[in-house]
Amino acid sequence: MDTVGYFGTALVVLSFMTNSLFKLRLLNAIGAFFVTIYAIYTHAIPVVLLDGFIVIINVIQLWRNRKNTQS
């Protein structure tokens, strides 16, 4: 299960190395999702809350940007 946490962490770090805001939000959301799953498994509630909110915020922003680019 540790590999899930490491994979999520790697995606979050990788997200900050991208040149695109879309890629940053997408990779960050996916990475934070995996970290959230790992935190649930390890009962790290503060990490669940933090990364869970990061996932939600990134998904909302991706949705808003998708709607704005279609108009």
N, C-alpha and C. Protein backbone atom coordinates (compact mmCIF):
# COMPACT_ATOMS: atom_id res chain seq x y z
N MET A 1 0.82 -1.20 0.00
CA MET A 1 0.00 0.00 0.00
C MET A 1 0.86 1.26 0.00
N ASP A 2 2.08 1.15 0.50
CA ASP A 2 2.97 2.31 0.48
C ASP A 2 3.20 2.83 -0.93
N THR A 3 3.21 1.93 -1.90
CA THR A 3 3.44 2.36 -3.28
C THR A 3 2.35 3.31 -3.76
N VAL A 4 1.13 3.15 -3.26
CA VAL A 4 0.04 4.07 -3.62
C VAL A 4 0.39 5.48 -3.13
N GLY A 5 0.86 5.59 -1.91
CA GLY A 5 1.26 6.88 -1.35
C GLY A 5 2.44 7.49 -2.09
N TYR A 6 3.44 6.66 -2.39
CA TYR A 6 4.60 7.16 -3.13
C TYR A 6 4.22 7.60 -4.54
N PHE A 7 3.35 6.84 -5.19
CA PHE A 7 2.90 7.17 -6.54
C PHE A 7 2.15 8.51 -6.52
N GLY A 8 1.25 8.67 -5.57
CA GLY A 8 0.51 9.92 -5.46
C GLY A 8 1.43 11.10 -5.19
N THR A 9 2.38 10.91 -4.30
CA THR A 9 3.34 11.97 -4.00
C THR A 9 4.16 12.34 -5.22
N ALA A 10 4.58 11.34 -5.98
CA ALA A 10 5.36 11.59 -7.19
C ALA A 10 4.54 12.40 -8.20
N LEU A 11 3.26 12.08 -8.34
CA LEU A 11 2.41 12.83 -9.27
C LEU A 11 2.23 14.27 -8.82
N VAL A 12 2.06 14.48 -7.52
CA VAL A 12 1.92 15.85 -7.01
C VAL A 12 3.19 16.64 -7.30
N VAL A 13 4.34 16.06 -7.04
CA VAL A 13 5.61 16.74 -7.32
C VAL A 13 5.75 17.00 -8.82
N LEU A 14 5.45 16.00 -9.63
CA LEU A 14 5.54 16.14 -11.08
C LEU A 14 4.61 17.24 -11.59
N SER A 15 3.45 17.38 -10.96
CA SER A 15 2.49 18.40 -11.41
C SER A 15 3.08 19.81 -11.35
N PHE A 16 3.96 20.06 -10.40
CA PHE A 16 4.56 21.39 -10.27
C PHE A 16 5.67 21.64 -11.28
N MET A 17 6.02 20.62 -12.05
CA MET A 17 7.07 20.76 -13.06
C MET A 17 6.50 20.97 -14.46
N THR A 18 5.18 21.03 -14.58
CA THR A 18 4.56 21.18 -15.89
C THR A 18 4.46 22.66 -16.26
N ASN A 19 4.32 22.92 -17.55
CA ASN A 19 4.19 24.29 -18.05
C ASN A 19 2.74 24.69 -18.26
N SER A 20 1.84 23.77 -18.07
CA SER A 20 0.42 23.99 -18.35
C SER A 20 -0.38 23.95 -17.05
N LEU A 21 -1.25 24.95 -16.87
CA LEU A 21 -2.10 24.96 -15.69
C LEU A 21 -3.05 23.76 -15.70
N PHE A 22 -3.53 23.38 -16.89
CA PHE A 22 -4.40 22.22 -16.99
C PHE A 22 -3.69 20.96 -16.52
N LYS A 23 -2.46 20.74 -17.00
CA LYS A 23 -1.69 19.55 -16.59
C LYS A 23 -1.39 19.59 -15.10
N LEU A 24 -1.06 20.79 -14.59
CA LEU A 24 -0.77 20.92 -13.17
C LEU A 24 -1.98 20.48 -12.35
N ARG A 25 -3.15 21.01 -12.68
CA ARG A 25 -4.36 20.67 -11.92
C ARG A 25 -4.73 19.20 -12.07
N LEU A 26 -4.61 18.67 -13.29
CA LEU A 26 -4.96 17.27 -13.52
C LEU A 26 -4.03 16.32 -12.76
N LEU A 27 -2.73 16.49 -12.93
CA LEU A 27 -1.78 15.61 -12.24
C LEU A 27 -1.88 15.78 -10.73
N ASN A 28 -2.07 17.03 -10.29
CA ASN A 28 -2.18 17.30 -8.86
C ASN A 28 -3.42 16.64 -8.28
N ALA A 29 -4.53 16.70 -9.00
CA ALA A 29 -5.77 16.07 -8.53
C ALA A 29 -5.61 14.55 -8.45
N ILE A 30 -5.02 13.96 -9.47
CA ILE A 30 -4.83 12.51 -9.47
C ILE A 30 -3.88 12.10 -8.35
N GLY A 31 -2.78 12.83 -8.22
CA GLY A 31 -1.82 12.53 -7.17
C GLY A 31 -2.42 12.67 -5.79
N ALA A 32 -3.14 13.76 -5.57
CA ALA A 32 -3.78 13.99 -4.27
C ALA A 32 -4.83 12.91 -3.99
N PHE A 33 -5.50 12.44 -5.02
CA PHE A 33 -6.46 11.35 -4.84
C PHE A 33 -5.76 10.10 -4.30
N PHE A 34 -4.62 9.73 -4.91
CA PHE A 34 -3.89 8.55 -4.45
C PHE A 34 -3.35 8.75 -3.04
N VAL A 35 -2.89 9.95 -2.73
CA VAL A 35 -2.42 10.23 -1.37
C VAL A 35 -3.58 10.14 -0.38
N THR A 36 -4.76 10.59 -0.80
CA THR A 36 -5.94 10.49 0.06
C THR A 36 -6.29 9.03 0.34
N ILE A 37 -6.24 8.20 -0.68
CA ILE A 37 -6.51 6.77 -0.50
C ILE A 37 -5.50 6.17 0.49
N TYR A 38 -4.24 6.51 0.31
CA TYR A 38 -3.21 6.02 1.23
C TYR A 38 -3.45 6.52 2.65
N ALA A 39 -3.83 7.80 2.78
CA ALA A 39 -4.07 8.38 4.11
C ALA A 39 -5.27 7.74 4.79
N ILE A 40 -6.30 7.40 4.02
CA ILE A 40 -7.45 6.69 4.59
C ILE A 40 -6.99 5.34 5.12
N TYR A 41 -6.18 4.65 4.33
CA TYR A 41 -5.68 3.33 4.73
C TYR A 41 -4.86 3.40 6.02
N THR A 42 -4.07 4.47 6.16
CA THR A 42 -3.19 4.60 7.33
C THR A 42 -3.84 5.40 8.47
N HIS A 43 -5.10 5.80 8.28
CA HIS A 43 -5.86 6.54 9.29
C HIS A 43 -5.22 7.89 9.62
N ALA A 44 -4.63 8.53 8.61
CA ALA A 44 -4.04 9.86 8.79
C ALA A 44 -5.08 10.91 8.41
N ILE A 45 -5.99 11.18 9.33
CA ILE A 45 -7.15 12.02 9.04
C ILE A 45 -6.77 13.44 8.58
N PRO A 46 -5.78 14.11 9.18
CA PRO A 46 -5.42 15.44 8.67
C PRO A 46 -4.98 15.41 7.20
N VAL A 47 -4.28 14.36 6.81
CA VAL A 47 -3.84 14.23 5.43
C VAL A 47 -5.03 13.92 4.52
N VAL A 48 -5.97 13.10 5.02
CA VAL A 48 -7.20 12.82 4.26
C VAL A 48 -7.93 14.12 3.98
N LEU A 49 -8.08 14.96 5.01
CA LEU A 49 -8.79 16.23 4.83
C LEU A 49 -8.07 17.15 3.86
N LEU A 50 -6.78 17.32 4.04
CA LEU A 50 -6.01 18.23 3.18
C LEU A 50 -6.05 17.78 1.73
N ASP A 51 -5.65 16.55 1.49
CA ASP A 51 -5.58 16.08 0.10
C ASP A 51 -6.97 15.87 -0.50
N GLY A 52 -7.95 15.53 0.33
CA GLY A 52 -9.31 15.44 -0.17
C GLY A 52 -9.81 16.79 -0.67
N PHE A 53 -9.53 17.85 0.09
CA PHE A 53 -9.91 19.19 -0.36
C PHE A 53 -9.13 19.60 -1.61
N ILE A 54 -7.87 19.22 -1.69
CA ILE A 54 -7.08 19.54 -2.89
C ILE A 54 -7.69 18.88 -4.12
N VAL A 55 -8.12 17.64 -3.99
CA VAL A 55 -8.78 16.96 -5.11
C VAL A 55 -10.03 17.72 -5.51
N ILE A 56 -10.86 18.05 -4.54
CA ILE A 56 -12.13 18.74 -4.82
C ILE A 56 -11.88 20.09 -5.51
N ILE A 57 -10.95 20.86 -4.98
CA ILE A 57 -10.64 22.18 -5.55
C ILE A 57 -10.14 22.05 -6.98
N ASN A 58 -9.22 21.11 -7.21
CA ASN A 58 -8.69 20.93 -8.57
C ASN A 58 -9.77 20.48 -9.54
N VAL A 59 -10.63 19.59 -9.12
CA VAL A 59 -11.70 19.11 -10.01
C VAL A 59 -12.67 20.26 -10.33
N ILE A 60 -13.00 21.05 -9.34
CA ILE A 60 -13.90 22.20 -9.58
C ILE A 60 -13.25 23.17 -10.56
N GLN A 61 -11.99 23.47 -10.37
CA GLN A 61 -11.31 24.40 -11.27
C GLN A 61 -11.17 23.83 -12.68
N LEU A 62 -10.89 22.54 -12.79
CA LEU A 62 -10.84 21.92 -14.12
C LEU A 62 -12.20 21.99 -14.80
N TRP A 63 -13.27 21.77 -14.04
CA TRP A 63 -14.63 21.83 -14.58
C TRP A 63 -14.96 23.24 -15.05
N ARG A 64 -14.62 24.24 -14.23
CA ARG A 64 -14.87 25.64 -14.60
C ARG A 64 -14.10 26.02 -15.86
N ASN A 65 -12.84 25.63 -15.93
CA ASN A 65 -12.02 25.96 -17.10
C ASN A 65 -12.54 25.26 -18.35
N ARG A 66 -13.03 24.05 -18.19
CA ARG A 66 -13.59 23.31 -19.34
C ARG A 66 -14.81 24.04 -19.87
N LYS A 67 -15.65 24.50 -18.96
CA LYS A 67 -16.86 25.22 -19.37
C LYS A 67 -16.50 26.55 -20.04
N ASN A 68 -15.47 27.23 -19.54
CA ASN A 68 -15.07 28.51 -20.12
C ASN A 68 -14.46 28.36 -21.50
N THR A 69 -13.75 27.29 -21.75
CA THR A 69 -13.11 27.11 -23.06
C THR A 69 -14.11 26.63 -24.11
N GLN A 70 -15.24 26.08 -23.69
CA GLN A 70 -16.25 25.63 -24.64
C GLN A 70 -17.16 26.77 -25.09
N SER A 71 -17.21 27.85 -24.34
CA SER A 71 -18.11 28.96 -24.67
C SER A 71 -17.61 29.78 -25.83
